[in-house]
Protein backbone atom coordinates (compact mmCIF):
# COMPACT_ATOMS: atom_id res chain seq x y z
CA UNK A 1 0.00 0.00 0.00
CA UNK A 2 1.26 3.47 -0.90
CA UNK A 3 2.63 5.61 1.90
CA UNK A 4 2.61 9.37 2.22
CA UNK A 5 5.89 11.22 2.82
CA UNK A 6 5.41 14.42 4.81
CA UNK A 7 7.73 17.32 5.52
CA UNK A 8 9.51 16.29 8.75
CA UNK A 9 10.37 18.63 11.60
CA UNK A 10 14.14 18.77 11.25
CA UNK A 11 14.85 21.18 14.11
CA UNK A 12 13.18 22.30 17.29
CA UNK A 13 12.28 25.67 15.76
CA UNK A 14 11.36 24.54 12.24
CA UNK A 15 7.86 25.40 11.04
CA UNK A 16 8.36 24.94 7.29
CA UNK A 17 11.01 23.86 4.83
CA UNK A 18 11.99 24.68 1.25
CA UNK A 19 12.68 21.91 -1.27
CA UNK A 20 16.08 22.92 -2.62
CA UNK A 21 16.39 19.97 -4.99
CA UNK A 22 14.80 16.58 -5.68
CA UNK A 23 17.31 13.75 -6.00
CA UNK A 24 14.65 11.37 -7.32
CA UNK A 25 11.92 11.75 -9.92
CA UNK A 26 8.50 10.15 -10.31
CA UNK A 27 8.91 6.55 -11.44
CA UNK A 28 12.29 6.02 -9.78
CA UNK A 29 12.68 3.01 -7.48
CA UNK A 30 13.59 4.02 -3.93
CA UNK A 31 14.70 2.13 -0.84
CA UNK A 32 15.29 2.89 2.79
CA UNK A 33 18.28 5.16 3.22
CA UNK A 34 17.98 6.88 -0.17
CA UNK A 35 18.13 10.68 -0.10
CA UNK A 36 14.91 11.89 -1.68
CA UNK A 37 15.59 15.62 -1.57
CA UNK A 38 17.58 18.47 -0.04
CA UNK A 39 15.57 20.66 2.31
CA UNK A 40 16.41 24.17 3.50
CA UNK A 41 15.37 24.59 7.13
CA UNK A 42 15.69 27.59 9.39
CA UNK A 43 19.19 26.44 10.34
CA UNK A 44 20.80 24.65 7.39
CA UNK A 45 20.26 22.69 4.20
CA UNK A 46 19.64 19.06 5.17
CA UNK A 47 19.05 15.75 3.42
CA UNK A 48 15.58 14.18 3.45
CA UNK A 49 16.07 10.45 3.93
CA UNK A 50 13.57 7.89 2.66
CA UNK A 51 12.36 5.04 4.90
CA UNK A 52 9.93 3.32 2.51
CA UNK A 53 10.80 0.77 -0.19
CA UNK A 54 8.97 1.04 -3.50
CA UNK A 55 8.53 3.46 -6.39
CA UNK A 56 8.23 7.22 -6.16
CA UNK A 57 4.66 7.67 -7.43
CA UNK A 58 4.01 11.32 -6.71
CA UNK A 59 5.88 14.54 -5.97
CA UNK A 60 3.59 17.16 -4.47
CA UNK A 61 6.06 19.99 -4.05
CA UNK A 62 8.09 21.66 -6.75
CA UNK A 63 11.70 22.61 -6.31
CA UNK A 64 11.88 26.01 -4.60
CA UNK A 65 8.54 25.71 -2.84
CA UNK A 66 8.16 26.26 0.90
CA UNK A 67 5.93 23.80 2.72
CA UNK A 68 4.85 23.65 6.37
CA UNK A 69 5.89 20.79 8.60
CA UNK A 70 3.61 17.73 8.08
CA UNK A 71 2.56 18.85 4.58
CA UNK A 72 2.44 16.10 1.92
CA UNK A 73 5.54 16.22 -0.26
CA UNK A 74 5.62 12.79 -1.93
CA UNK A 75 4.02 9.34 -2.14
CA UNK A 76 5.88 6.02 -2.39
CA UNK A 77 4.21 2.71 -3.29
CA UNK A 78 4.13 -0.16 -5.76
CA UNK A 79 4.84 0.61 -9.39
CA UNK A 80 1.58 1.35 -11.21
CA UNK A 81 -0.45 1.62 -8.00
CA UNK A 82 -3.50 3.90 -8.21
CA UNK A 83 -3.07 6.74 -5.69
CA UNK A 84 -5.92 8.98 -6.87
CA UNK A 85 -8.15 8.01 -3.95
CA UNK A 86 -5.30 8.62 -1.51
CA UNK A 87 -4.70 12.09 -2.89
CA UNK A 88 -8.38 13.00 -2.92
CA UNK A 89 -8.89 11.78 0.65
CA UNK A 90 -6.00 13.91 1.85
CA UNK A 91 -7.15 17.07 0.10
CA UNK A 92 -4.54 19.73 -0.66
CA UNK A 93 -2.70 18.62 2.51
CA UNK A 94 -3.13 19.09 6.18
CA UNK A 95 -1.11 22.26 5.82
CA UNK A 96 -1.18 24.54 2.84
CA UNK A 97 1.82 24.79 0.52
CA UNK A 98 3.32 28.23 0.17
CA UNK A 99 4.85 29.43 -3.05
CA UNK A 100 8.11 31.26 -2.37
CA UNK A 101 8.10 34.94 -3.05
CA UNK A 102 10.00 35.83 -6.19
CA UNK A 103 12.32 38.79 -6.01
CA UNK A 104 10.82 41.82 -7.61
CA UNK A 105 13.19 44.05 -9.51
CA UNK A 106 11.50 46.50 -11.82
CA UNK A 107 14.86 47.45 -13.28
CA UNK A 108 14.95 50.31 -15.75
CA UNK A 109 11.50 51.80 -15.95
CA UNK A 110 9.64 55.03 -15.99
CA UNK A 111 8.28 56.31 -12.67
CA UNK A 112 6.06 53.84 -10.81
CA UNK A 113 2.51 53.53 -12.03
CA UNK A 114 0.78 50.83 -9.99
CA UNK A 115 -2.16 53.03 -9.04
CA UNK A 116 -2.25 55.06 -12.23
CA UNK A 117 -2.53 51.99 -14.45
CA UNK A 118 -5.68 50.80 -12.70
CA UNK A 119 -7.71 53.94 -12.26
CA UNK A 120 -11.22 54.14 -13.60
CA UNK A 121 -12.85 56.05 -16.41
CA UNK A 122 -11.83 59.43 -15.01
CA UNK A 123 -8.57 59.15 -16.91
CA UNK A 124 -10.03 60.16 -20.32
CA UNK A 125 -7.36 61.88 -22.37
CA UNK A 126 -7.78 65.62 -22.07
CA UNK A 127 -6.13 66.60 -25.31
CA UNK A 128 -7.35 67.95 -28.62
CA UNK A 129 -10.94 67.41 -29.76
CA UNK A 130 -10.07 64.48 -32.00
CA UNK A 131 -8.59 62.60 -29.03
CA UNK A 132 -10.89 63.48 -26.15
CA UNK A 133 -12.59 60.09 -26.26
CA UNK A 134 -9.32 58.08 -26.19
CA UNK A 135 -8.83 56.33 -22.84
CA UNK A 136 -5.34 56.35 -21.34
CA UNK A 137 -3.78 56.07 -17.92
CA UNK A 138 -2.33 59.24 -16.40
CA UNK A 139 1.18 57.88 -16.81
CA UNK A 140 0.57 57.05 -20.48
CA UNK A 141 -0.79 60.56 -21.03
CA UNK A 142 2.29 62.08 -19.40
CA UNK A 143 4.65 59.94 -21.47
CA UNK A 144 2.79 60.75 -24.69
CA UNK A 145 2.82 64.46 -23.93
CA UNK A 146 6.52 64.42 -23.12
CA UNK A 147 7.27 62.58 -26.36
CA UNK A 148 4.91 64.60 -28.51
CA UNK A 149 2.89 61.51 -29.46
CA UNK A 150 -0.74 61.50 -30.52
CA UNK A 151 -2.73 59.00 -28.48
CA UNK A 152 -5.09 58.46 -31.41
CA UNK A 153 -2.22 56.74 -33.23
CA UNK A 154 -1.59 54.22 -30.44
CA UNK A 155 -3.47 50.96 -29.94
CA UNK A 156 -4.36 50.38 -26.28
CA UNK A 157 -4.01 46.94 -24.73
CA UNK A 158 -5.50 47.71 -21.31
CA UNK A 159 -9.07 47.11 -20.19
CA UNK A 160 -11.59 48.22 -22.86
CA UNK A 161 -8.74 49.41 -25.07
CA UNK A 162 -7.15 51.75 -22.54
CA UNK A 163 -3.65 52.94 -23.36
CA UNK A 164 -1.19 52.08 -20.65
CA UNK A 165 2.54 52.46 -20.15
CA UNK A 166 3.55 49.37 -22.10
CA UNK A 167 1.65 50.66 -25.16
CA UNK A 168 3.78 53.81 -25.21
CA UNK A 169 6.93 51.76 -24.72
CA UNK A 170 5.99 49.35 -27.51
CA UNK A 171 4.74 52.00 -29.89
CA UNK A 172 6.03 51.30 -33.37
CA UNK A 173 4.54 54.23 -35.23
CA UNK A 174 5.92 55.87 -38.28
CA UNK A 175 8.46 57.96 -36.36
CA UNK A 176 10.77 56.76 -33.62
CA UNK A 177 12.16 60.25 -33.23
CA UNK A 178 9.68 62.74 -31.84
CA UNK A 179 9.81 66.36 -30.84
CA UNK A 180 8.38 66.90 -27.40
CA UNK A 181 6.88 70.26 -26.42
CA UNK A 182 8.93 72.77 -24.50
CA UNK A 183 8.39 71.05 -21.19
CA UNK A 184 11.95 70.72 -19.98
CA UNK A 185 12.88 67.64 -22.03
CA UNK A 186 14.71 69.67 -24.64
CA UNK A 187 14.90 68.90 -28.37
CA UNK A 188 14.00 65.73 -30.19
CA UNK A 189 14.91 62.35 -28.67
CA UNK A 190 14.00 58.79 -29.58
CA UNK A 191 11.73 56.65 -27.46
CA UNK A 192 14.49 54.49 -25.99
CA UNK A 193 16.44 57.56 -24.91
CA UNK A 194 13.38 58.92 -23.15
CA UNK A 195 12.71 55.65 -21.36
CA UNK A 196 16.34 55.34 -20.31
CA UNK A 197 16.34 58.89 -18.99
CA UNK A 198 13.10 58.30 -17.14
CA UNK A 199 14.53 55.15 -15.63
CA UNK A 200 17.53 57.06 -14.38
CA UNK A 201 15.29 59.59 -12.69
CA UNK A 202 12.85 57.05 -11.25
CA UNK A 203 12.98 54.99 -8.09
CA UNK A 204 13.91 51.31 -8.09
CA UNK A 205 14.11 48.57 -5.50
CA UNK A 206 14.48 44.85 -5.02
CA UNK A 207 12.17 42.75 -2.84
CA UNK A 208 14.17 39.89 -1.33
CA UNK A 209 12.35 36.68 -0.38
CA UNK A 210 12.71 35.56 3.23
CA UNK A 211 14.90 32.52 3.81
CA UNK A 212 13.76 29.93 6.33
CA UNK A 213 16.57 31.10 8.60
CA UNK A 214 15.51 34.75 8.40
CA UNK A 215 11.87 33.87 9.11
CA UNK A 216 12.86 31.99 12.25
CA UNK A 217 15.19 34.75 13.43
CA UNK A 218 12.38 37.28 13.03
CA UNK A 219 9.86 35.13 14.88
CA UNK A 220 12.01 33.92 17.76
CA UNK A 221 13.75 37.20 18.54
CA UNK A 222 10.49 39.16 18.29
CA UNK A 223 8.97 36.73 20.79
CA UNK A 224 12.02 37.07 23.04
CA UNK A 225 12.13 40.87 22.96
CA UNK A 226 8.38 41.19 23.54
CA UNK A 227 8.08 38.50 26.22
CA UNK A 228 11.32 38.69 28.22
CA UNK A 229 11.85 41.86 30.32
CA UNK A 230 15.42 42.63 29.24
CA UNK A 231 17.84 44.67 31.29
CA UNK A 232 21.49 45.33 30.49
CA UNK A 233 24.74 45.39 32.44
CA UNK A 234 27.88 46.82 30.80
CA UNK A 235 31.46 46.43 31.98
CA UNK A 236 34.84 47.47 30.58
CA UNK A 237 37.46 44.79 31.14
CA UNK A 238 41.26 45.05 31.32
CA UNK A 239 42.57 42.72 28.59
CA UNK A 240 46.32 43.34 28.91
CA UNK A 241 47.06 40.00 30.59
CA UNK A 242 44.65 38.08 28.37
CA UNK A 243 46.29 39.36 25.17
CA UNK A 244 49.74 38.56 26.54
CA UNK A 245 48.66 35.05 27.58
CA UNK A 246 47.09 34.42 24.17
CA UNK A 247 50.35 35.32 22.42
CA UNK A 248 52.28 32.88 24.61
CA UNK A 249 49.75 30.09 24.15
CA UNK A 250 49.78 30.46 20.38
CA UNK A 251 53.53 29.88 20.29
CA UNK A 252 52.90 26.22 21.13
CA UNK A 253 49.21 25.61 20.43
CA UNK A 254 48.37 23.28 17.51
CA UNK A 255 45.32 25.46 16.85
CA UNK A 256 45.32 29.25 16.84
CA UNK A 257 43.51 30.50 19.93
CA UNK A 258 41.38 33.61 19.42
CA UNK A 259 40.23 36.26 21.85
CA UNK A 260 36.77 34.77 21.51
CA UNK A 261 38.07 31.39 22.70
CA UNK A 262 39.37 33.10 25.84
CA UNK A 263 35.99 34.80 26.27
CA UNK A 264 34.15 31.48 25.95
CA UNK A 265 36.40 29.76 28.47
CA UNK A 266 36.13 32.64 30.96
CA UNK A 267 32.35 32.72 30.60
CA UNK A 268 32.09 28.96 31.15
CA UNK A 269 34.19 29.18 34.32
CA UNK A 270 32.13 32.12 35.60
CA UNK A 271 28.87 30.28 34.88
CA UNK A 272 30.07 27.43 37.07
CA UNK A 273 30.33 29.93 39.92
CA UNK A 274 26.98 31.60 39.16
CA UNK A 275 24.48 28.88 38.17
CA UNK A 276 21.48 31.24 38.20
CA UNK A 277 22.87 32.92 35.07
CA UNK A 278 23.05 29.47 33.46
CA UNK A 279 19.28 29.02 33.72
CA UNK A 280 16.35 28.70 31.32
CA UNK A 281 12.90 30.27 31.52
CA UNK A 282 10.30 27.58 30.79
CA UNK A 283 7.11 29.54 31.36
CA UNK A 284 5.84 27.87 34.52
CA UNK A 285 9.26 27.19 36.05
CA UNK A 286 12.93 28.11 35.95
CA UNK A 287 15.38 25.36 35.04
CA UNK A 288 18.82 25.79 36.58
CA UNK A 289 21.18 23.82 34.35
CA UNK A 290 24.04 21.86 35.87
CA UNK A 291 25.68 21.45 32.46
CA UNK A 292 27.18 24.45 30.66
CA UNK A 293 26.43 24.53 26.92
CA UNK A 294 27.52 27.82 25.37
CA UNK A 295 25.93 28.93 22.10
CA UNK A 296 28.25 30.97 19.88
CA UNK A 297 26.46 33.29 17.45
CA UNK A 298 27.90 33.12 13.92
CA UNK A 299 26.89 35.44 11.10
CA UNK A 300 26.03 34.09 7.64
CA UNK A 301 24.76 35.95 4.56
CA UNK A 302 21.34 34.37 5.14
CA UNK A 303 21.19 35.24 8.83
CA UNK A 304 22.47 33.90 12.12
CA UNK A 305 23.25 30.44 13.46
CA UNK A 306 24.19 29.54 17.03
CA UNK A 307 26.14 26.26 17.25
CA UNK A 308 26.62 24.99 20.78
CA UNK A 309 29.87 24.16 22.57
CA UNK A 310 28.74 21.46 24.99
CA UNK A 311 30.27 21.13 28.46
CA UNK A 312 32.40 24.16 27.68
CA UNK A 313 33.69 24.44 31.24
CA UNK A 314 35.25 20.98 30.95
CA UNK A 315 37.17 21.73 27.73
CA UNK A 316 40.56 23.37 27.44
CA UNK A 317 41.30 26.30 25.14
CA UNK A 318 42.66 24.12 22.33
CA UNK A 319 39.50 22.00 22.33
CA UNK A 320 37.27 25.08 22.34
CA UNK A 321 39.24 26.70 19.53
CA UNK A 322 39.17 23.54 17.39
CA UNK A 323 35.44 22.99 17.81
CA UNK A 324 34.63 26.65 17.17
CA UNK A 325 36.58 26.60 13.91
CA UNK A 326 34.90 23.36 12.88
CA UNK A 327 31.46 24.86 13.55
CA UNK A 328 32.34 27.98 11.56
CA UNK A 329 33.34 25.89 8.52
CA UNK A 330 30.21 23.73 8.75
CA UNK A 331 28.03 26.84 9.11
CA UNK A 332 29.48 28.40 5.95
CA UNK A 333 28.88 25.17 4.05
CA UNK A 334 25.37 24.76 5.55
CA UNK A 335 26.32 21.40 7.00
CA UNK A 336 25.30 22.00 10.62
CA UNK A 337 23.00 19.32 12.02
CA UNK A 338 20.30 19.67 14.72
CA UNK A 339 22.61 18.29 17.41
CA UNK A 340 25.04 21.11 16.59
CA UNK A 341 22.65 23.96 17.45
CA UNK A 342 20.29 22.59 20.10
CA UNK A 343 20.57 22.74 23.89
CA UNK A 344 22.36 26.04 24.62
CA UNK A 345 22.17 27.32 28.21
CA UNK A 346 24.03 30.63 27.62
CA UNK A 347 24.92 32.54 24.46
CA UNK A 348 27.83 34.75 23.40
CA UNK A 349 27.64 37.20 20.48
CA UNK A 350 30.95 38.76 19.48
CA UNK A 351 31.15 41.62 16.96
CA UNK A 352 34.63 42.70 17.94
CA UNK A 353 36.10 41.42 14.69
CA UNK A 354 33.98 44.05 12.90
CA UNK A 355 35.36 46.88 14.99
CA UNK A 356 32.20 47.26 17.10
CA UNK A 357 33.16 48.57 20.53
CA UNK A 358 29.88 47.90 22.35
CA UNK A 359 26.34 46.73 21.62
CA UNK A 360 23.39 44.96 23.20
CA UNK A 361 22.02 41.59 22.10
CA UNK A 362 18.55 40.05 22.28
CA UNK A 363 18.29 37.00 24.52
CA UNK A 364 18.29 33.67 22.68
CA UNK A 365 15.38 31.76 24.29
CA UNK A 366 15.11 29.80 26.47
CA UNK A 367 18.40 31.18 27.85
CA UNK A 368 18.18 33.68 30.68
CA UNK A 369 21.18 35.71 29.43
CA UNK A 370 23.26 36.57 26.40
CA UNK A 371 26.59 38.41 26.45
CA UNK A 372 27.53 40.89 23.72
CA UNK A 373 31.30 41.26 23.25
CA UNK A 374 32.98 44.24 21.62
CA UNK A 375 36.43 44.78 20.15
CA UNK A 376 39.65 44.85 22.16
CA UNK A 377 40.98 48.36 21.71
CA UNK A 378 43.91 50.43 22.88
CA UNK A 379 42.91 53.40 25.02
CA UNK A 380 44.30 55.75 27.67
CA UNK A 381 44.23 54.22 31.17
CA UNK A 382 45.37 55.37 34.60
CA UNK A 383 47.49 52.97 36.69
CA UNK A 384 48.70 54.02 40.11
CA UNK A 385 48.06 57.62 39.24
CA UNK A 386 50.01 57.41 35.98
CA UNK A 387 48.52 57.80 32.51
CA UNK A 388 49.36 55.03 30.07
CA UNK A 389 48.03 52.90 27.23
CA UNK A 390 46.02 49.77 27.95
CA UNK A 391 43.86 47.29 26.10
CA UNK A 392 40.19 47.25 27.04
CA UNK A 393 37.13 45.27 25.96
CA UNK A 394 33.50 46.20 26.62
CA UNK A 395 30.90 43.50 27.26
CA UNK A 396 27.17 43.89 27.83
CA UNK A 397 25.13 41.21 29.55
CA UNK A 398 21.44 41.11 28.54
CA UNK A 399 19.41 39.51 31.32
CA UNK A 400 15.86 38.19 31.57
CA UNK A 401 14.62 39.86 34.73
CA UNK A 402 12.20 36.99 35.33
CA UNK A 403 15.23 34.82 36.10
CA UNK A 404 18.25 37.01 36.86
CA UNK A 405 18.38 40.07 39.11
CA UNK A 406 20.80 42.94 38.73
CA UNK A 407 23.12 41.91 41.56
CA UNK A 408 23.32 38.35 40.23
CA UNK A 409 24.24 39.51 36.75
CA UNK A 410 26.80 41.96 38.14
CA UNK A 411 28.46 39.25 40.25
CA UNK A 412 28.76 37.04 37.16
CA UNK A 413 30.44 39.84 35.19
CA UNK A 414 32.89 40.43 38.05
CA UNK A 415 33.93 36.76 38.00
CA UNK A 416 34.14 36.80 34.19
CA UNK A 417 36.36 39.89 34.22
CA UNK A 418 38.61 38.37 36.90
CA UNK A 419 39.23 35.33 34.68
CA UNK A 420 40.40 37.56 31.81
CA UNK A 421 42.48 39.84 34.02
CA UNK A 422 44.24 36.76 35.43
CA UNK A 423 44.14 34.11 32.65
CA UNK A 424 46.17 31.62 34.70
CA UNK A 425 43.06 31.10 36.85
CA UNK A 426 41.33 29.58 33.81
CA UNK A 427 43.99 26.90 33.55
CA UNK A 428 43.67 25.67 37.13
């Protein structure tokens, strides 16, 4: 008997997926373990594995379409099996299929005319007596007047023979060179020159379709910002010793250790001392996590991913650096899997590499906190009453006030800063 293949839920936050490509076509034999298609989720592009042996009898989703979780995407059964009753009994699907939005790029064009092209009969041409009954859109009238064209010579293709913009553009009358009236356009010009000039003076834009990742970012962070009462704690941290320790470590380390690796390690150690900060808001209760799984925000052209460094407090700097670099490569290649991004208990977002000195971040639910890390910068500092140059880094801790109070967040930042001011303490 034929079996329906539905869009699976490939991540904890996935609500729909996009079929990037079908690896099988209708009529192909399939077996368990075959990869039917590639699916773009809110996190990555993943393979859709088949678990039914038979023949692919039906594909219900075209390449490029977005479909909700549990929507019908294919049917597998015996070769030649009648599936019409199965399709009719299921209807369109339990969840409607959404066509992806195509980018809209009007490109070179005359000024926008969406409303003008669809106005009613009030747009009768108000020209000479032999043309007063010719119907034309306001934009078409303006173009004709600028070009010195007679509307009576142009065949309209709009409703009831109305002349619209495309009719002016496509006009193939006896003269391609016209002499417009003294209205600022100057002497004679051909139609293409006019259209090109108009395009240069007009507005243009491009509507970009939302990726699955961008949709999820918009939904989850809007929910977080609206639901969680955020407050922010900012601290400037002395990084002189941390930078010196990093240079020494990298002389012998098999993997280059970054400032962010030091930040992750220091945060993990501080979380061990302040477990309230390592908590999750679950609606009817607060879960204080014994394990420390740090999510590290990574920027991609399509949006943001947050792979998770599990048991970060139990890993040394080389291990953290190696895993972070591995995650970054997999993120760029869209090869992250659900186990790579699920389960964070605390999140770090670092924009220091872009020269950002300080910023605030939106909490990544269900975490209670997220730490925004700025660039390490040289600046004037006073030591023992003497002015000198030091290296400083600004961090801002965003806290969910339902879980973390101000004093608790401040105590965490003090411990975090101490780790970076005395890096040896992280190695003990």
